[in-house]
């Protein structure tokens, strides 16, 4: 039985309970209790969330948890001697300590992130780095595992992190079934960017959206203004003007960002050489890809690949440090847990 402790404090964010729901669904998938959760706070009793919802909690005590997760908050100033002490105690007693979103500030204030890699929501990343310079903040990551410490970006990145935990504890099949019950894709890799070029462009008209979709599906093409204008049924001049007005980028710059995003994902997965990636996403050669990465991201493709490798190594080390019980799902189990009546 894996014991989960979720630490809350006044004005905490309710998104932390998405993690508890994911752990709960493991129990439903397996048909037996694999996880149990306890909400904790400094004094116990009712704690008010940032949404105005109160939750019941147990006071900090001597109980030992497999995983201790520190909730994020509406503000980044949750701190007290008792909270700091509980963070440090959890580092000694728990198999892993986790902090989604601004929960990283709780860990940083207690000093347990010093010398470690960590991430947080992109809007807080620079503040985290400024206030805690001993932390190696990687602001464009979904989640990071450094030893026994897990940190993630905000909101739904919490679910990605927890699905990775479940995979390490219970196996890939169980994690996939939980993701299916949550109606999300299987968890994104930890090194994946918090940003999406497709969402950032966000055209306002169907014509320009069609051109963006075409470009994203045909990155190996030249994708000239003339080619994209033909897809949008506009003259090249009309297309360039409309595209820039709707997306904030000239067509060439937008295509470059789409290529960088596709290349970045392939680099993080580590399955192809630089030359193959450059060709497949339309950069033609690795030198041109490198120049684009430096111009847009301030990092080289090699930097991205090393970061992805470090994330995979950290996950493997985390799993090796605590052997998990091997769970196996049969075809009957999958049918049973994925039908409409079982999802409630």
Foldseek 3Di string as FASTA:
>chain_A
DAEEEEEDAAAFAPLLCVLVVLQVVLCLLVVHRPYDYFYEYQPFQWHAHVVRDIDGHDHDDDDAGQEYEYTHGPDLPDDDPSLLVVLVVNVVGYLAYEYEASRVSSNVVSPNQQCHEWEHALVCQVVVCVVRVRHNYDHFWQWFFDRRYIYGYDRCSSVLRSLLVCCLAENDVSSCLSCLLVVHHRRDAGGATPDDLLVLQDFDDPLLNQLLVVLLVPQLDPSDLCVSCVSSVHHSVVSQVRSCVGRVDGSVVSSLVSLLNQLLSVLLVVPDDLQVSCNVRHVNGNVSQQVSCCVPVVDGSVVSNVVSVNRVVSSVVSSVVDPHDYDDDDPVSSVVSNDDVSSD
